[in-house]
Amino acid sequence: QVQLVESGGGLVQPGGSLRLSCAATGSITSIYAMGWYRQAPGKQRELVAAITSGNSTNYADSVKGRFTISRENAKNTVYLQMNFLKPEDTAVYYCNAVLSTPTSGLRRYQYWGQGTQVTVSS
């Protein structure tokens, strides 16, 4: 069974930094893309950043120049380095992966992590 295990959230002051990690565990054949979404209270979940197996990246305009997504394929892990954090970055951050398993064949499925809280406040 595939699981996405997140870590690294917490409370940080404005202007500070945090690094989120997400490891995909279980029986996995290939991971095609991994990414981070966030959801603030009363708002819809939105894409923060994503990275493909070929290391192509995509960022929300609101985080460009401040956040960096990277992945370590050998560990099925994706990271989100968040710098110059702002109060408006406060949200629950969810890891996402599009992958295939030995039983899925060519089908790709989307998995989500349980979420990790990031709070930016003085």
N, C-alpha and C. Protein backbone atom coordinates (compact mmCIF):
# COMPACT_ATOMS: atom_id res chain seq x y z
N GLN A 1 0.83 -1.18 0.00
CA GLN A 1 0.00 0.00 0.00
C GLN A 1 0.88 1.24 0.00
N VAL A 2 0.53 2.19 -0.86
CA VAL A 2 1.33 3.40 -1.00
C VAL A 2 0.92 4.43 0.04
N GLN A 3 1.90 5.05 0.64
CA GLN A 3 1.67 6.14 1.58
C GLN A 3 2.62 7.28 1.28
N LEU A 4 2.15 8.50 1.50
CA LEU A 4 3.00 9.68 1.43
C LEU A 4 3.15 10.20 2.84
N VAL A 5 4.38 10.23 3.32
CA VAL A 5 4.66 10.62 4.69
C VAL A 5 5.35 11.98 4.69
N GLU A 6 4.69 12.98 5.26
CA GLU A 6 5.20 14.35 5.25
C GLU A 6 5.83 14.70 6.59
N SER A 7 6.76 15.64 6.54
CA SER A 7 7.36 16.17 7.75
C SER A 7 7.89 17.57 7.47
N GLY A 8 8.13 18.32 8.55
CA GLY A 8 8.81 19.60 8.42
C GLY A 8 7.97 20.83 8.66
N GLY A 9 6.68 20.68 8.88
CA GLY A 9 5.86 21.86 9.14
C GLY A 9 6.14 22.43 10.52
N GLY A 10 5.49 23.57 10.80
CA GLY A 10 5.67 24.18 12.11
C GLY A 10 5.34 25.65 12.10
N LEU A 11 5.77 26.31 13.18
CA LEU A 11 5.55 27.74 13.35
C LEU A 11 6.84 28.49 13.06
N VAL A 12 6.75 29.53 12.26
CA VAL A 12 7.94 30.31 11.91
C VAL A 12 7.55 31.78 11.82
N GLN A 13 8.50 32.65 12.11
CA GLN A 13 8.24 34.08 12.01
C GLN A 13 8.29 34.54 10.56
N PRO A 14 7.61 35.64 10.24
CA PRO A 14 7.72 36.19 8.89
C PRO A 14 9.17 36.43 8.50
N GLY A 15 9.49 36.06 7.27
CA GLY A 15 10.86 36.18 6.80
C GLY A 15 11.70 34.94 7.05
N GLY A 16 11.15 34.00 7.81
CA GLY A 16 11.89 32.79 8.13
C GLY A 16 11.79 31.73 7.05
N SER A 17 12.35 30.56 7.36
CA SER A 17 12.40 29.46 6.40
C SER A 17 11.93 28.16 7.04
N LEU A 18 11.41 27.30 6.20
CA LEU A 18 11.06 25.93 6.59
C LEU A 18 11.33 25.02 5.40
N ARG A 19 11.59 23.77 5.69
CA ARG A 19 11.78 22.77 4.65
C ARG A 19 10.83 21.61 4.90
N LEU A 20 9.97 21.36 3.94
CA LEU A 20 9.05 20.24 4.01
C LEU A 20 9.63 19.05 3.24
N SER A 21 9.38 17.86 3.77
CA SER A 21 9.79 16.63 3.11
C SER A 21 8.59 15.71 2.96
N CYS A 22 8.61 14.91 1.90
CA CYS A 22 7.54 13.94 1.68
C CYS A 22 8.15 12.71 1.04
N ALA A 23 8.01 11.59 1.71
CA ALA A 23 8.53 10.33 1.20
C ALA A 23 7.38 9.42 0.79
N ALA A 24 7.46 8.90 -0.42
CA ALA A 24 6.47 7.94 -0.89
C ALA A 24 6.97 6.54 -0.55
N THR A 25 6.17 5.79 0.19
CA THR A 25 6.57 4.45 0.61
C THR A 25 5.56 3.43 0.09
N GLY A 26 6.01 2.18 0.05
CA GLY A 26 5.14 1.11 -0.41
C GLY A 26 5.61 0.55 -1.73
N SER A 27 4.76 -0.21 -2.35
CA SER A 27 5.10 -0.87 -3.60
C SER A 27 4.83 0.08 -4.77
N ILE A 28 5.90 0.66 -5.30
CA ILE A 28 5.80 1.68 -6.34
C ILE A 28 6.63 1.27 -7.54
N THR A 29 6.05 1.40 -8.72
CA THR A 29 6.78 1.10 -9.95
C THR A 29 7.50 2.34 -10.46
N SER A 30 6.74 3.40 -10.64
CA SER A 30 7.31 4.64 -11.14
C SER A 30 6.54 5.82 -10.55
N ILE A 31 7.28 6.90 -10.28
CA ILE A 31 6.66 8.15 -9.86
C ILE A 31 6.84 9.16 -10.98
N TYR A 32 5.74 9.66 -11.51
CA TYR A 32 5.78 10.54 -12.66
C TYR A 32 5.89 12.01 -12.26
N ALA A 33 5.26 12.36 -11.19
CA ALA A 33 5.32 13.74 -10.72
C ALA A 33 5.02 13.76 -9.23
N MET A 34 5.60 14.73 -8.56
CA MET A 34 5.32 14.96 -7.15
C MET A 34 5.14 16.45 -6.96
N GLY A 35 4.38 16.81 -5.96
CA GLY A 35 4.15 18.23 -5.76
C GLY A 35 3.60 18.53 -4.38
N TRP A 36 3.44 19.82 -4.16
CA TRP A 36 2.89 20.32 -2.91
C TRP A 36 1.70 21.23 -3.22
N TYR A 37 0.63 21.01 -2.47
CA TYR A 37 -0.55 21.86 -2.51
C TYR A 37 -0.74 22.44 -1.12
N ARG A 38 -1.53 23.48 -1.02
CA ARG A 38 -1.83 24.02 0.30
C ARG A 38 -3.29 24.48 0.35
N GLN A 39 -3.81 24.47 1.55
CA GLN A 39 -5.19 24.91 1.76
C GLN A 39 -5.26 25.73 3.03
N ALA A 40 -5.61 26.98 2.87
CA ALA A 40 -5.80 27.88 4.00
C ALA A 40 -7.27 27.83 4.42
N PRO A 41 -7.57 28.20 5.67
CA PRO A 41 -8.97 28.17 6.14
C PRO A 41 -9.87 29.00 5.24
N GLY A 42 -10.97 28.38 4.82
CA GLY A 42 -11.94 29.08 4.00
C GLY A 42 -11.57 29.22 2.54
N LYS A 43 -10.45 28.62 2.14
CA LYS A 43 -10.01 28.73 0.74
C LYS A 43 -9.89 27.35 0.11
N GLN A 44 -9.85 27.35 -1.21
CA GLN A 44 -9.69 26.10 -1.93
C GLN A 44 -8.23 25.65 -1.90
N ARG A 45 -8.05 24.37 -2.06
CA ARG A 45 -6.70 23.83 -2.15
C ARG A 45 -6.07 24.32 -3.46
N GLU A 46 -4.82 24.75 -3.37
CA GLU A 46 -4.14 25.27 -4.54
C GLU A 46 -2.76 24.66 -4.70
N LEU A 47 -2.32 24.59 -5.96
CA LEU A 47 -0.98 24.09 -6.24
C LEU A 47 0.05 25.11 -5.79
N VAL A 48 1.07 24.62 -5.09
CA VAL A 48 2.20 25.46 -4.70
C VAL A 48 3.36 25.23 -5.65
N ALA A 49 3.74 23.98 -5.82
CA ALA A 49 4.86 23.65 -6.70
C ALA A 49 4.78 22.18 -7.07
N ALA A 50 5.30 21.86 -8.26
CA ALA A 50 5.31 20.48 -8.71
C ALA A 50 6.59 20.22 -9.49
N ILE A 51 6.99 18.94 -9.52
CA ILE A 51 8.20 18.55 -10.24
C ILE A 51 7.96 17.21 -10.90
N THR A 52 8.38 17.09 -12.15
CA THR A 52 8.19 15.84 -12.88
C THR A 52 9.39 14.93 -12.71
N SER A 53 9.27 13.73 -13.25
CA SER A 53 10.37 12.78 -13.19
C SER A 53 11.58 13.29 -13.97
N GLY A 54 11.34 14.18 -14.93
CA GLY A 54 12.43 14.78 -15.68
C GLY A 54 12.93 16.08 -15.09
N ASN A 55 12.47 16.38 -13.87
CA ASN A 55 12.88 17.56 -13.12
C ASN A 55 12.38 18.88 -13.69
N SER A 56 11.32 18.84 -14.48
CA SER A 56 10.65 20.07 -14.86
C SER A 56 9.83 20.54 -13.67
N THR A 57 9.85 21.85 -13.42
CA THR A 57 9.17 22.38 -12.24
C THR A 57 8.11 23.41 -12.64
N ASN A 58 7.16 23.57 -11.74
CA ASN A 58 6.08 24.53 -11.93
C ASN A 58 5.75 25.12 -10.57
N TYR A 59 5.62 26.45 -10.52
CA TYR A 59 5.37 27.13 -9.25
C TYR A 59 4.15 28.05 -9.37
N ALA A 60 3.45 28.20 -8.26
CA ALA A 60 2.44 29.24 -8.19
C ALA A 60 3.13 30.59 -8.24
N ASP A 61 2.49 31.57 -8.85
CA ASP A 61 3.11 32.89 -8.97
C ASP A 61 3.45 33.47 -7.59
N SER A 62 2.62 33.16 -6.61
CA SER A 62 2.78 33.75 -5.28
C SER A 62 4.04 33.25 -4.56
N VAL A 63 4.63 32.16 -5.01
CA VAL A 63 5.80 31.61 -4.32
C VAL A 63 7.07 31.64 -5.16
N LYS A 64 6.95 32.06 -6.41
CA LYS A 64 8.14 32.09 -7.28
C LYS A 64 9.21 32.98 -6.67
N GLY A 65 10.45 32.48 -6.70
CA GLY A 65 11.56 33.23 -6.14
C GLY A 65 11.75 33.03 -4.65
N ARG A 66 10.77 32.41 -3.98
CA ARG A 66 10.87 32.18 -2.54
C ARG A 66 10.92 30.69 -2.19
N PHE A 67 10.19 29.88 -2.94
CA PHE A 67 10.13 28.44 -2.68
C PHE A 67 10.88 27.69 -3.76
N THR A 68 11.47 26.56 -3.37
CA THR A 68 12.16 25.69 -4.32
C THR A 68 11.74 24.25 -4.08
N ILE A 69 11.30 23.59 -5.14
CA ILE A 69 10.94 22.18 -5.04
C ILE A 69 12.06 21.35 -5.63
N SER A 70 12.34 20.21 -5.01
CA SER A 70 13.35 19.30 -5.52
C SER A 70 12.95 17.87 -5.16
N ARG A 71 13.57 16.91 -5.81
CA ARG A 71 13.25 15.53 -5.49
C ARG A 71 14.49 14.67 -5.50
N GLU A 72 14.43 13.61 -4.73
CA GLU A 72 15.50 12.64 -4.64
C GLU A 72 14.91 11.32 -5.08
N ASN A 73 15.11 10.99 -6.35
CA ASN A 73 14.42 9.84 -6.94
C ASN A 73 14.76 8.53 -6.24
N ALA A 74 15.98 8.36 -5.83
CA ALA A 74 16.40 7.11 -5.19
C ALA A 74 15.64 6.86 -3.89
N LYS A 75 15.16 7.95 -3.28
CA LYS A 75 14.44 7.82 -2.01
C LYS A 75 12.94 8.09 -2.17
N ASN A 76 12.50 8.28 -3.42
CA ASN A 76 11.08 8.61 -3.67
C ASN A 76 10.62 9.76 -2.78
N THR A 77 11.45 10.76 -2.69
CA THR A 77 11.20 11.86 -1.77
C THR A 77 11.19 13.19 -2.51
N VAL A 78 10.29 14.06 -2.09
CA VAL A 78 10.23 15.41 -2.63
C VAL A 78 10.38 16.39 -1.48
N TYR A 79 11.03 17.51 -1.76
CA TYR A 79 11.28 18.53 -0.75
C TYR A 79 10.70 19.86 -1.22
N LEU A 80 10.33 20.68 -0.25
CA LEU A 80 9.92 22.05 -0.55
C LEU A 80 10.66 22.97 0.40
N GLN A 81 11.63 23.69 -0.13
CA GLN A 81 12.36 24.68 0.65
C GLN A 81 11.60 25.99 0.55
N MET A 82 11.18 26.50 1.69
CA MET A 82 10.38 27.72 1.73
C MET A 82 11.16 28.81 2.45
N ASN A 83 11.51 29.85 1.72
CA ASN A 83 12.24 30.98 2.28
C ASN A 83 11.39 32.25 2.24
N PHE A 84 11.78 33.23 3.03
CA PHE A 84 11.08 34.52 3.07
C PHE A 84 9.58 34.31 3.24
N LEU A 85 9.25 33.50 4.21
CA LEU A 85 7.84 33.16 4.42
C LEU A 85 7.04 34.37 4.86
N LYS A 86 5.78 34.38 4.41
CA LYS A 86 4.86 35.46 4.72
C LYS A 86 3.65 34.91 5.47
N PRO A 87 2.96 35.74 6.21
CA PRO A 87 1.75 35.26 6.91
C PRO A 87 0.74 34.62 5.96
N GLU A 88 0.67 35.10 4.74
CA GLU A 88 -0.28 34.52 3.78
C GLU A 88 0.13 33.13 3.28
N ASP A 89 1.31 32.67 3.67
CA ASP A 89 1.72 31.30 3.35
C ASP A 89 1.16 30.31 4.37
N THR A 90 0.54 30.81 5.42
CA THR A 90 -0.04 29.94 6.44
C THR A 90 -1.14 29.07 5.84
N ALA A 91 -0.99 27.77 6.02
CA ALA A 91 -1.93 26.80 5.45
C ALA A 91 -1.52 25.39 5.87
N VAL A 92 -2.39 24.45 5.56
CA VAL A 92 -2.01 23.04 5.63
C VAL A 92 -1.42 22.68 4.26
N TYR A 93 -0.23 22.13 4.28
CA TYR A 93 0.46 21.77 3.05
C TYR A 93 0.34 20.26 2.84
N TYR A 94 -0.08 19.89 1.63
CA TYR A 94 -0.30 18.49 1.28
C TYR A 94 0.66 18.06 0.19
N CYS A 95 1.25 16.91 0.40
CA CYS A 95 2.10 16.30 -0.62
C CYS A 95 1.22 15.51 -1.58
N ASN A 96 1.62 15.51 -2.84
CA ASN A 96 0.87 14.82 -3.89
C ASN A 96 1.83 14.07 -4.78
N ALA A 97 1.43 12.88 -5.21
CA ALA A 97 2.27 12.11 -6.13
C ALA A 97 1.40 11.41 -7.17
N VAL A 98 1.87 11.39 -8.38
CA VAL A 98 1.23 10.63 -9.46
C VAL A 98 2.16 9.48 -9.78
N LEU A 99 1.66 8.26 -9.60
CA LEU A 99 2.56 7.12 -9.70
C LEU A 99 1.83 5.88 -10.18
N SER A 100 2.60 4.86 -10.49
CA SER A 100 2.06 3.56 -10.84
C SER A 100 2.61 2.51 -9.88
N THR A 101 1.87 1.43 -9.74
CA THR A 101 2.27 0.34 -8.85
C THR A 101 2.35 -0.95 -9.65
N PRO A 102 2.90 -1.99 -9.06
CA PRO A 102 2.98 -3.26 -9.79
C PRO A 102 1.63 -3.79 -10.26
N THR A 103 0.57 -3.46 -9.53
CA THR A 103 -0.76 -3.96 -9.91
C THR A 103 -1.54 -3.00 -10.80
N SER A 104 -1.04 -1.77 -10.97
CA SER A 104 -1.79 -0.79 -11.77
C SER A 104 -1.43 -0.85 -13.24
N GLY A 105 -0.37 -1.56 -13.57
CA GLY A 105 0.04 -1.63 -14.97
C GLY A 105 0.44 -0.26 -15.48
N LEU A 106 -0.18 0.16 -16.60
CA LEU A 106 0.14 1.46 -17.18
C LEU A 106 -0.67 2.59 -16.57
N ARG A 107 -1.64 2.25 -15.72
CA ARG A 107 -2.47 3.28 -15.11
C ARG A 107 -1.68 4.05 -14.06
N ARG A 108 -1.97 5.34 -14.00
CA ARG A 108 -1.34 6.21 -13.02
C ARG A 108 -2.40 6.66 -12.03
N TYR A 109 -2.02 6.67 -10.78
CA TYR A 109 -2.95 7.08 -9.74
C TYR A 109 -2.35 8.23 -8.94
N GLN A 110 -3.24 9.02 -8.37
CA GLN A 110 -2.83 10.18 -7.58
C GLN A 110 -3.00 9.85 -6.10
N TYR A 111 -1.98 10.16 -5.35
CA TYR A 111 -2.01 9.93 -3.91
C TYR A 111 -1.76 11.25 -3.18
N TRP A 112 -2.30 11.31 -1.96
CA TRP A 112 -2.14 12.50 -1.13
C TRP A 112 -1.57 12.14 0.24
N GLY A 113 -0.79 13.04 0.78
CA GLY A 113 -0.34 12.91 2.15
C GLY A 113 -1.40 13.40 3.11
N GLN A 114 -1.12 13.28 4.40
CA GLN A 114 -2.10 13.63 5.42
C GLN A 114 -2.12 15.13 5.70
N GLY A 115 -1.12 15.84 5.25
CA GLY A 115 -1.06 17.28 5.46
C GLY A 115 -0.19 17.65 6.64
N THR A 116 0.50 18.78 6.51
CA THR A 116 1.32 19.30 7.59
C THR A 116 1.07 20.80 7.72
N GLN A 117 0.89 21.26 8.93
CA GLN A 117 0.53 22.66 9.17
C GLN A 117 1.78 23.55 9.11
N VAL A 118 1.66 24.62 8.34
CA VAL A 118 2.68 25.67 8.32
C VAL A 118 2.01 26.96 8.78
N THR A 119 2.56 27.55 9.84
CA THR A 119 2.01 28.79 10.37
C THR A 119 3.11 29.84 10.39
N VAL A 120 2.83 30.96 9.74
CA VAL A 120 3.79 32.06 9.68
C VAL A 120 3.20 33.22 10.48
N SER A 121 3.81 33.48 11.62
CA SER A 121 3.26 34.49 12.52
C SER A 121 4.34 35.00 13.46
N SER A 122 4.23 36.26 13.82
CA SER A 122 5.15 36.82 14.81
C SER A 122 4.57 36.71 16.22
